[in-house]
């Protein structure tokens, strides 16, 4: 039963909402279209510049450009890959 709580899609796709109940959603295109306006483009450029100043130059786990806003600051990817490589080496050597 814990999988239903922690992994709600573990048993398959979620059930559709009952008839008449619709979740609140902003029209995705509305917010996207705002970025295509001159004020939206200015804001995007300003925010990208702010992030670059605040977080420094891009690195293997930091990427701020027109198409990406990725800030994995604590080296999670590096540590995860190192742990994976160590575990794989153990398995290939016949370890635990």
PDB file of N, CA and C in Angstrom:
ATOM      1  N   UNK A   1       0.822  -1.214   0.000  1.00  0.00           N
ATOM      2  CA  UNK A   1       0.000   0.000   0.000  1.00  0.00           C
ATOM      3  C   UNK A   1       0.856   1.263   0.000  1.00  0.00           C
ATOM      4  N   UNK A   2       2.120   1.161   0.497  1.00  0.00           N
ATOM      5  CA  UNK A   2       2.950   2.363   0.532  1.00  0.00           C
ATOM      6  C   UNK A   2       3.296   2.851  -0.863  1.00  0.00           C
ATOM      7  N   UNK A   3       3.341   1.915  -1.848  1.00  0.00           N
ATOM      8  CA  UNK A   3       3.673   2.363  -3.202  1.00  0.00           C
ATOM      9  C   UNK A   3       2.616   3.301  -3.755  1.00  0.00           C
ATOM     10  N   UNK A   4       1.372   3.081  -3.388  1.00  0.00           N
ATOM     11  CA  UNK A   4       0.310   3.959  -3.872  1.00  0.00           C
ATOM     12  C   UNK A   4       0.505   5.382  -3.351  1.00  0.00           C
ATOM     13  N   UNK A   5       1.076   5.508  -2.152  1.00  0.00           N
ATOM     14  CA  UNK A   5       1.302   6.832  -1.568  1.00  0.00           C
ATOM     15  C   UNK A   5       2.552   7.491  -2.155  1.00  0.00           C
ATOM     16  N   UNK A   6       3.665   6.755  -2.180  1.00  0.00           N
ATOM     17  CA  UNK A   6       4.935   7.327  -2.610  1.00  0.00           C
ATOM     18  C   UNK A   6       5.139   7.272  -4.123  1.00  0.00           C
ATOM     19  N   UNK A   7       4.546   6.291  -4.783  1.00  0.00           N
ATOM     20  CA  UNK A   7       4.696   6.119  -6.224  1.00  0.00           C
ATOM     21  C   UNK A   7       3.309   5.975  -6.852  1.00  0.00           C
ATOM     22  N   UNK A   8       2.562   7.060  -6.954  1.00  0.00           N
ATOM     23  CA  UNK A   8       1.161   6.941  -7.376  1.00  0.00           C
ATOM     24  C   UNK A   8       0.975   6.375  -8.773  1.00  0.00           C
ATOM     25  N   UNK A   9       1.986   6.419  -9.629  1.00  0.00           N
ATOM     26  CA  UNK A   9       1.845   5.870 -10.976  1.00  0.00           C
ATOM     27  C   UNK A   9       2.448   4.472 -11.098  1.00  0.00           C
ATOM     28  N   UNK A  10       2.845   3.857  -9.974  1.00  0.00           N
ATOM     29  CA  UNK A  10       3.498   2.547 -10.020  1.00  0.00           C
ATOM     30  C   UNK A  10       2.583   1.477 -10.594  1.00  0.00           C
ATOM     31  N   UNK A  11       1.297   1.588 -10.362  1.00  0.00           N
ATOM     32  CA  UNK A  11       0.359   0.577 -10.838  1.00  0.00           C
ATOM     33  C   UNK A  11      -0.178   0.904 -12.232  1.00  0.00           C
ATOM     34  N   UNK A  12       0.315   1.945 -12.849  1.00  0.00           N
ATOM     35  CA  UNK A  12      -0.168   2.332 -14.168  1.00  0.00           C
ATOM     36  C   UNK A  12      -0.566   3.799 -14.173  1.00  0.00           C
ATOM     37  N   UNK A  13      -1.211   4.189 -15.233  1.00  0.00           N
ATOM     38  CA  UNK A  13      -1.638   5.575 -15.337  1.00  0.00           C
ATOM     39  C   UNK A  13      -2.679   5.900 -14.280  1.00  0.00           C
ATOM     40  N   UNK A  14      -2.687   7.143 -13.789  1.00  0.00           N
ATOM     41  CA  UNK A  14      -3.686   7.506 -12.794  1.00  0.00           C
ATOM     42  C   UNK A  14      -5.096   7.455 -13.388  1.00  0.00           C
ATOM     43  N   UNK A  15      -6.051   7.194 -12.525  1.00  0.00           N
ATOM     44  CA  UNK A  15      -7.452   7.158 -12.974  1.00  0.00           C
ATOM     45  C   UNK A  15      -7.887   8.567 -13.359  1.00  0.00           C
ATOM     46  N   UNK A  16      -8.750   8.689 -14.349  1.00  0.00           N
ATOM     47  CA  UNK A  16      -9.249  10.025 -14.695  1.00  0.00           C
ATOM     48  C   UNK A  16     -10.123  10.571 -13.576  1.00  0.00           C
ATOM     49  N   UNK A  17     -10.182  11.888 -13.488  1.00  0.00           N
ATOM     50  CA  UNK A  17     -11.029  12.528 -12.474  1.00  0.00           C
ATOM     51  C   UNK A  17     -12.486  12.205 -12.767  1.00  0.00           C
ATOM     52  N   UNK A  18     -13.300  12.134 -11.718  1.00  0.00           N
ATOM     53  CA  UNK A  18     -14.732  11.884 -11.940  1.00  0.00           C
ATOM     54  C   UNK A  18     -15.334  12.960 -12.830  1.00  0.00           C
ATOM     55  N   UNK A  19     -16.394  12.596 -13.537  1.00  0.00           N
ATOM     56  CA  UNK A  19     -17.054  13.542 -14.442  1.00  0.00           C
ATOM     57  C   UNK A  19     -17.455  14.796 -13.683  1.00  0.00           C
ATOM     58  N   UNK A  20     -17.240  15.927 -14.306  1.00  0.00           N
ATOM     59  CA  UNK A  20     -17.637  17.203 -13.704  1.00  0.00           C
ATOM     60  C   UNK A  20     -16.552  17.855 -12.875  1.00  0.00           C
ATOM     61  N   UNK A  21     -15.480  17.134 -12.534  1.00  0.00           N
ATOM     62  CA  UNK A  21     -14.398  17.708 -11.731  1.00  0.00           C
ATOM     63  C   UNK A  21     -13.218  17.960 -12.661  1.00  0.00           C
ATOM     64  N   UNK A  22     -12.826  19.217 -12.759  1.00  0.00           N
ATOM     65  CA  UNK A  22     -11.694  19.565 -13.616  1.00  0.00           C
ATOM     66  C   UNK A  22     -10.652  20.279 -12.783  1.00  0.00           C
ATOM     67  N   UNK A  23      -9.388  19.853 -12.871  1.00  0.00           N
ATOM     68  CA  UNK A  23      -8.338  20.548 -12.110  1.00  0.00           C
ATOM     69  C   UNK A  23      -8.120  21.944 -12.666  1.00  0.00           C
ATOM     70  N   UNK A  24      -7.727  22.874 -11.780  1.00  0.00           N
ATOM     71  CA  UNK A  24      -7.439  24.243 -12.205  1.00  0.00           C
ATOM     72  C   UNK A  24      -6.097  24.272 -12.910  1.00  0.00           C
ATOM     73  N   UNK A  25      -6.080  24.810 -14.102  1.00  0.00           N
ATOM     74  CA  UNK A  25      -4.836  24.954 -14.857  1.00  0.00           C
ATOM     75  C   UNK A  25      -4.880  26.265 -15.617  1.00  0.00           C
ATOM     76  N   UNK A  26      -3.760  26.952 -15.586  1.00  0.00           N
ATOM     77  CA  UNK A  26      -3.639  28.107 -16.465  1.00  0.00           C
ATOM     78  C   UNK A  26      -3.417  27.597 -17.872  1.00  0.00           C
ATOM     79  N   UNK A  27      -3.985  28.258 -18.842  1.00  0.00           N
ATOM     80  CA  UNK A  27      -3.699  27.826 -20.210  1.00  0.00           C
ATOM     81  C   UNK A  27      -2.198  27.916 -20.473  1.00  0.00           C
ATOM     82  N   UNK A  28      -1.563  26.789 -20.759  1.00  0.00           N
ATOM     83  CA  UNK A  28      -0.121  26.761 -20.966  1.00  0.00           C
ATOM     84  C   UNK A  28       0.334  27.706 -22.050  1.00  0.00           C
ATOM     85  N   UNK A  29      -0.447  27.808 -23.114  1.00  0.00           N
ATOM     86  CA  UNK A  29      -0.090  28.683 -24.209  1.00  0.00           C
ATOM     87  C   UNK A  29      -0.105  30.150 -23.820  1.00  0.00           C
ATOM     88  N   UNK A  30      -0.928  30.510 -22.842  1.00  0.00           N
ATOM     89  CA  UNK A  30      -1.021  31.913 -22.419  1.00  0.00           C
ATOM     90  C   UNK A  30       0.298  32.390 -21.828  1.00  0.00           C
ATOM     91  N   UNK A  31       0.860  31.623 -20.909  1.00  0.00           N
ATOM     92  CA  UNK A  31       2.131  32.016 -20.309  1.00  0.00           C
ATOM     93  C   UNK A  31       3.268  31.924 -21.314  1.00  0.00           C
ATOM     94  N   UNK A  32       3.227  30.918 -22.165  1.00  0.00           N
ATOM     95  CA  UNK A  32       4.256  30.774 -23.195  1.00  0.00           C
ATOM     96  C   UNK A  32       4.210  31.951 -24.162  1.00  0.00           C
ATOM     97  N   UNK A  33       3.025  32.341 -24.569  1.00  0.00           N
ATOM     98  CA  UNK A  33       2.869  33.447 -25.513  1.00  0.00           C
ATOM     99  C   UNK A  33       3.359  34.760 -24.914  1.00  0.00           C
ATOM    100  N   UNK A  34       3.237  34.921 -23.593  1.00  0.00           N
ATOM    101  CA  UNK A  34       3.711  36.151 -22.957  1.00  0.00           C
ATOM    102  C   UNK A  34       5.216  36.309 -23.139  1.00  0.00           C
ATOM    103  N   UNK A  35       5.938  35.221 -23.215  1.00  0.00           N
ATOM    104  CA  UNK A  35       7.379  35.279 -23.427  1.00  0.00           C
ATOM    105  C   UNK A  35       7.763  35.710 -24.832  1.00  0.00           C
ATOM    106  N   UNK A  36       6.814  35.663 -25.759  1.00  0.00           N
ATOM    107  CA  UNK A  36       7.089  36.056 -27.141  1.00  0.00           C
ATOM    108  C   UNK A  36       6.887  37.539 -27.373  1.00  0.00           C
ATOM    109  N   UNK A  37       6.365  38.246 -26.381  1.00  0.00           N
ATOM    110  CA  UNK A  37       6.152  39.689 -26.521  1.00  0.00           C
ATOM    111  C   UNK A  37       7.452  40.415 -26.193  1.00  0.00           C
ATOM    112  N   UNK A  38       7.610  41.663 -26.642  1.00  0.00           N
ATOM    113  CA  UNK A  38       8.830  42.403 -26.277  1.00  0.00           C
ATOM    114  C   UNK A  38       9.061  42.483 -24.763  1.00  0.00           C
ATOM    115  N   UNK A  39       8.029  42.771 -23.939  1.00  0.00           N
ATOM    116  CA  UNK A  39       8.294  42.767 -22.487  1.00  0.00           C
ATOM    117  C   UNK A  39       8.682  41.377 -21.966  1.00  0.00           C
ATOM    118  N   UNK A  40       8.081  40.336 -22.535  1.00  0.00           N
ATOM    119  CA  UNK A  40       8.425  38.973 -22.124  1.00  0.00           C
ATOM    120  C   UNK A  40       9.852  38.624 -22.496  1.00  0.00           C
ATOM    121  N   UNK A  41      10.276  39.004 -23.689  1.00  0.00           N
ATOM    122  CA  UNK A  41      11.651  38.746 -24.122  1.00  0.00           C
ATOM    123  C   UNK A  41      12.634  39.522 -23.247  1.00  0.00           C
ATOM    124  N   UNK A  42      12.288  40.764 -22.913  1.00  0.00           N
ATOM    125  CA  UNK A  42      13.154  41.561 -22.033  1.00  0.00           C
ATOM    126  C   UNK A  42      13.282  40.877 -20.676  1.00  0.00           C
ATOM    127  N   UNK A  43      12.148  40.428 -20.116  1.00  0.00           N
ATOM    128  CA  UNK A  43      12.174  39.777 -18.805  1.00  0.00           C
ATOM    129  C   UNK A  43      13.011  38.500 -18.846  1.00  0.00           C
ATOM    130  N   UNK A  44      12.847  37.710 -19.896  1.00  0.00           N
ATOM    131  CA  UNK A  44      13.637  36.468 -20.021  1.00  0.00           C
ATOM    132  C   UNK A  44      15.133  36.773 -20.054  1.00  0.00           C
ATOM    133  N   UNK A  45      15.524  37.779 -20.839  1.00  0.00           N
ATOM    134  CA  UNK A  45      16.943  38.150 -20.931  1.00  0.00           C
ATOM    135  C   UNK A  45      17.449  38.673 -19.592  1.00  0.00           C
ATOM    136  N   UNK A  46      16.636  39.476 -18.912  1.00  0.00           N
ATOM    137  CA  UNK A  46      17.023  40.017 -17.606  1.00  0.00           C
ATOM    138  C   UNK A  46      17.211  38.882 -16.599  1.00  0.00           C
ATOM    139  N   UNK A  47      16.265  37.947 -16.577  1.00  0.00           N
ATOM    140  CA  UNK A  47      16.335  36.831 -15.618  1.00  0.00           C
ATOM    141  C   UNK A  47      17.544  35.945 -15.907  1.00  0.00           C
ATOM    142  N   UNK A  48      17.853  35.697 -17.182  1.00  0.00           N
ATOM    143  CA  UNK A  48      19.015  34.890 -17.521  1.00  0.00           C
ATOM    144  C   UNK A  48      20.289  35.589 -17.053  1.00  0.00           C
ATOM    145  N   UNK A  49      20.387  36.899 -17.275  1.00  0.00           N
ATOM    146  CA  UNK A  49      21.557  37.649 -16.808  1.00  0.00           C
ATOM    147  C   UNK A  49      21.683  37.622 -15.299  1.00  0.00           C
ATOM    148  N   UNK A  50      20.555  37.746 -14.612  1.00  0.00           N
ATOM    149  CA  UNK A  50      20.553  37.707 -13.141  1.00  0.00           C
ATOM    150  C   UNK A  50      21.060  36.361 -12.640  1.00  0.00           C
ATOM    151  N   UNK A  51      20.571  35.278 -13.251  1.00  0.00           N
ATOM    152  CA  UNK A  51      21.005  33.938 -12.827  1.00  0.00           C
ATOM    153  C   UNK A  51      22.497  33.743 -13.075  1.00  0.00           C
ATOM    154  N   UNK A  52      22.988  34.199 -14.227  1.00  0.00           N
ATOM    155  CA  UNK A  52      24.420  34.057 -14.521  1.00  0.00           C
ATOM    156  C   UNK A  52      25.266  34.821 -13.518  1.00  0.00           C
ATOM    157  N   UNK A  53      24.848  36.030 -13.150  1.00  0.00           N
ATOM    158  CA  UNK A  53      25.597  36.819 -12.159  1.00  0.00           C
ATOM    159  C   UNK A  53      25.550  36.162 -10.788  1.00  0.00           C
ATOM    160  N   UNK A  54      24.386  35.648 -10.429  1.00  0.00           N
ATOM    161  CA  UNK A  54      24.207  35.068  -9.097  1.00  0.00           C
ATOM    162  C   UNK A  54      24.929  33.734  -8.943  1.00  0.00           C
ATOM    163  N   UNK A  55      24.876  32.895  -9.965  1.00  0.00           N
ATOM    164  CA  UNK A  55      25.370  31.532  -9.832  1.00  0.00           C
ATOM    165  C   UNK A  55      26.697  31.270 -10.527  1.00  0.00           C
ATOM    166  N   UNK A  56      27.228  32.236 -11.225  1.00  0.00           N
ATOM    167  CA  UNK A  56      28.540  32.070 -11.834  1.00  0.00           C
ATOM    168  C   UNK A  56      28.493  31.413 -13.192  1.00  0.00           C
ATOM    169  N   UNK A  57      29.662  31.091 -13.730  1.00  0.00           N
ATOM    170  CA  UNK A  57      29.719  30.526 -15.078  1.00  0.00           C
ATOM    171  C   UNK A  57      29.134  29.120 -15.120  1.00  0.00           C
ATOM    172  N   UNK A  58      28.646  28.715 -16.286  1.00  0.00           N
ATOM    173  CA  UNK A  58      28.100  27.367 -16.417  1.00  0.00           C
ATOM    174  C   UNK A  58      29.160  26.306 -16.154  1.00  0.00           C
ATOM    175  N   UNK A  59      28.739  25.167 -15.743  1.00  0.00           N
ATOM    176  CA  UNK A  59      29.621  24.029 -15.498  1.00  0.00           C
ATOM    177  C   UNK A  59      28.883  22.765 -15.907  1.00  0.00           C
ATOM    178  N   UNK A  60      29.411  21.609 -15.521  1.00  0.00           N
ATOM    179  CA  UNK A  60      28.789  20.356 -15.938  1.00  0.00           C
ATOM    180  C   UNK A  60      27.346  20.198 -15.457  1.00  0.00           C
ATOM    181  N   UNK A  61      27.017  20.797 -14.315  1.00  0.00           N
ATOM    182  CA  UNK A  61      25.663  20.650 -13.787  1.00  0.00           C
ATOM    183  C   UNK A  61      24.947  21.995 -13.676  1.00  0.00           C
ATOM    184  N   UNK A  62      25.515  23.024 -14.258  1.00  0.00           N
ATOM    185  CA  UNK A  62      24.895  24.345 -14.290  1.00  0.00           C
ATOM    186  C   UNK A  62      24.762  24.774 -15.734  1.00  0.00           C
ATOM    187  N   UNK A  63      23.560  25.123 -16.125  1.00  0.00           N
ATOM    188  CA  UNK A  63      23.362  25.571 -17.506  1.00  0.00           C
ATOM    189  C   UNK A  63      22.244  26.598 -17.532  1.00  0.00           C
ATOM    190  N   UNK A  64      22.583  27.810 -17.855  1.00  0.00           N
ATOM    191  CA  UNK A  64      21.614  28.883 -17.970  1.00  0.00           C
ATOM    192  C   UNK A  64      21.786  29.522 -19.338  1.00  0.00           C
ATOM    193  N   UNK A  65      20.843  29.272 -20.219  1.00  0.00           N
ATOM    194  CA  UNK A  65      20.851  29.917 -21.528  1.00  0.00           C
ATOM    195  C   UNK A  65      19.400  30.063 -21.978  1.00  0.00           C
ATOM    196  N   UNK A  66      19.207  30.447 -23.223  1.00  0.00           N
ATOM    197  CA  UNK A  66      17.859  30.718 -23.719  1.00  0.00           C
ATOM    198  C   UNK A  66      16.948  29.494 -23.642  1.00  0.00           C
ATOM    199  N   UNK A  67      17.513  28.296 -23.659  1.00  0.00           N
ATOM    200  CA  UNK A  67      16.699  27.085 -23.656  1.00  0.00           C
ATOM    201  C   UNK A  67      16.755  26.278 -22.368  1.00  0.00           C
ATOM    202  N   UNK A  68      17.637  26.648 -21.434  1.00  0.00           N
ATOM    203  CA  UNK A  68      17.819  25.840 -20.228  1.00  0.00           C
ATOM    204  C   UNK A  68      17.955  26.707 -18.987  1.00  0.00           C
ATOM    205  N   UNK A  69      17.397  26.214 -17.907  1.00  0.00           N
ATOM    206  CA  UNK A  69      17.607  26.806 -16.586  1.00  0.00           C
ATOM    207  C   UNK A  69      17.849  25.632 -15.642  1.00  0.00           C
ATOM    208  N   UNK A  70      19.075  25.158 -15.628  1.00  0.00           N
ATOM    209  CA  UNK A  70      19.453  23.977 -14.853  1.00  0.00           C
ATOM    210  C   UNK A  70      20.487  24.397 -13.827  1.00  0.00           C
ATOM    211  N   UNK A  71      20.150  24.293 -12.564  1.00  0.00           N
ATOM    212  CA  UNK A  71      21.073  24.661 -11.508  1.00  0.00           C
ATOM    213  C   UNK A  71      21.195  23.567 -10.474  1.00  0.00           C
ATOM    214  N   UNK A  72      21.970  22.548 -10.785  1.00  0.00           N
ATOM    215  CA  UNK A  72      22.237  21.476  -9.820  1.00  0.00           C
ATOM    216  C   UNK A  72      23.547  21.841  -9.131  1.00  0.00           C
ATOM    217  N   UNK A  73      23.438  22.542  -8.014  1.00  0.00           N
ATOM    218  CA  UNK A  73      24.580  23.199  -7.397  1.00  0.00           C
ATOM    219  C   UNK A  73      25.430  22.322  -6.505  1.00  0.00           C
ATOM    220  N   UNK A  74      24.893  21.245  -6.010  1.00  0.00           N
ATOM    221  CA  UNK A  74      25.613  20.454  -5.008  1.00  0.00           C
ATOM    222  C   UNK A  74      26.339  19.248  -5.585  1.00  0.00           C
ATOM    223  N   UNK A  75      26.515  19.185  -6.882  1.00  0.00           N
ATOM    224  CA  UNK A  75      27.260  18.075  -7.482  1.00  0.00           C
ATOM    225  C   UNK A  75      26.550  16.740  -7.394  1.00  0.00           C
ATOM    226  N   UNK A  76      25.215  16.749  -7.372  1.00  0.00           N
ATOM    227  CA  UNK A  76      24.470  15.495  -7.246  1.00  0.00           C
ATOM    228  C   UNK A  76      24.778  14.533  -8.393  1.00  0.00           C
ATOM    229  N   UNK A  77      24.838  15.058  -9.607  1.00  0.00           N
ATOM    230  CA  UNK A  77      25.100  14.202 -10.763  1.00  0.00           C
ATOM    231  C   UNK A  77      26.459  13.522 -10.664  1.00  0.00           C
ATOM    232  N   UNK A  78      27.467  14.279 -10.274  1.00  0.00           N
ATOM    233  CA  UNK A  78      28.822  13.731 -10.135  1.00  0.00           C
ATOM    234  C   UNK A  78      28.853  12.649  -9.071  1.00  0.00           C
ATOM    235  N   UNK A  79      28.243  12.926  -7.914  1.00  0.00           N
ATOM    236  CA  UNK A  79      28.237  11.932  -6.835  1.00  0.00           C
ATOM    237  C   UNK A  79      27.431  10.692  -7.207  1.00  0.00           C
ATOM    238  N   UNK A  80      26.317  10.891  -7.899  1.00  0.00           N
ATOM    239  CA  UNK A  80      25.486   9.758  -8.306  1.00  0.00           C
ATOM    240  C   UNK A  80      26.239   8.865  -9.282  1.00  0.00           C
ATOM    241  N   UNK A  81      26.894   9.477 -10.268  1.00  0.00           N
ATOM    242  CA  UNK A  81      27.652   8.683 -11.237  1.00  0.00           C
ATOM    243  C   UNK A  81      28.829   7.966 -10.584  1.00  0.00           C
ATOM    244  N   UNK A  82      29.474   8.606  -9.610  1.00  0.00           N
ATOM    245  CA  UNK A  82      30.588   7.954  -8.908  1.00  0.00           C
ATOM    246  C   UNK A  82      30.079   6.754  -8.105  1.00  0.00           C
ATOM    247  N   UNK A  83      28.939   6.909  -7.419  1.00  0.00           N
ATOM    248  CA  UNK A  83      28.368   5.803  -6.649  1.00  0.00           C
ATOM    249  C   UNK A  83      27.935   4.667  -7.579  1.00  0.00           C
ATOM    250  N   UNK A  84      27.359   5.034  -8.714  1.00  0.00           N
ATOM    251  CA  UNK A  84      26.951   4.024  -9.695  1.00  0.00           C
ATOM    252  C   UNK A  84      28.166   3.256 -10.219  1.00  0.00           C
ATOM    253  N   UNK A  85      29.220   3.975 -10.558  1.00  0.00           N
ATOM    254  CA  UNK A  85      30.435   3.322 -11.073  1.00  0.00           C
ATOM    255  C   UNK A  85      31.029   2.382 -10.024  1.00  0.00           C
ATOM    256  N   UNK A  86      31.039   2.810  -8.751  1.00  0.00           N
ATOM    257  CA  UNK A  86      31.578   1.963  -7.687  1.00  0.00           C
ATOM    258  C   UNK A  86      30.732   0.705  -7.520  1.00  0.00           C
ATOM    259  N   UNK A  87      29.430   0.877  -7.542  1.00  0.00           N
ATOM    260  CA  UNK A  87      28.541  -0.280  -7.377  1.00  0.00           C
ATOM    261  C   UNK A  87      28.667  -1.234  -8.569  1.00  0.00           C
ATOM    262  N   UNK A  88      28.753  -0.686  -9.764  1.00  0.00           N
ATOM    263  CA  UNK A  88      28.914  -1.510 -10.953  1.00  0.00           C
ATOM    264  C   UNK A  88      30.226  -2.299 -10.904  1.00  0.00           C
ATOM    265  N   UNK A  89      31.296  -1.637 -10.449  1.00  0.00           N
ATOM    266  CA  UNK A  89      32.588  -2.316 -10.322  1.00  0.00           C
ATOM    267  C   UNK A  89      32.473  -3.470  -9.320  1.00  0.00           C
ATOM    268  N   UNK A  90      31.758  -3.226  -8.200  1.00  0.00           N
ATOM    269  CA  UNK A  90      31.555  -4.294  -7.209  1.00  0.00           C
ATOM    270  C   UNK A  90      30.830  -5.487  -7.841  1.00  0.00           C
ATOM    271  N   UNK A  91      29.772  -5.192  -8.572  1.00  0.00           N
ATOM    272  CA  UNK A  91      28.987  -6.269  -9.183  1.00  0.00           C
ATOM    273  C   UNK A  91      29.808  -7.041 -10.216  1.00  0.00           C
ATOM    274  N   UNK A  92      30.597  -6.319 -10.997  1.00  0.00           N
ATOM    275  CA  UNK A  92      31.397  -6.981 -12.022  1.00  0.00           C
ATOM    276  C   UNK A  92      32.525  -7.804 -11.418  1.00  0.00           C
ATOM    277  N   UNK A  93      32.977  -7.437 -10.230  1.00  0.00           N
ATOM    278  CA  UNK A  93      34.038  -8.173  -9.546  1.00  0.00           C
ATOM    279  C   UNK A  93      33.469  -9.305  -8.688  1.00  0.00           C
ATOM    280  N   UNK A  94      32.155  -9.429  -8.660  1.00  0.00           N
ATOM    281  CA  UNK A  94      31.529 -10.489  -7.874  1.00  0.00           C
ATOM    282  C   UNK A  94      31.371 -10.122  -6.409  1.00  0.00           C
ATOM    283  N   UNK A  95      31.281  -8.852  -6.128  1.00  0.00           N
ATOM    284  CA  UNK A  95      31.110  -8.383  -4.752  1.00  0.00           C
ATOM    285  C   UNK A  95      29.700  -8.605  -4.252  1.00  0.00           C
ATOM    286  N   UNK A  96      29.337  -7.928  -3.169  1.00  0.00           N
ATOM    287  CA  UNK A  96      28.012  -8.139  -2.545  1.00  0.00           C
ATOM    288  C   UNK A  96      26.931  -7.866  -3.478  1.00  0.00           C
TER     289      UNK A  96
END
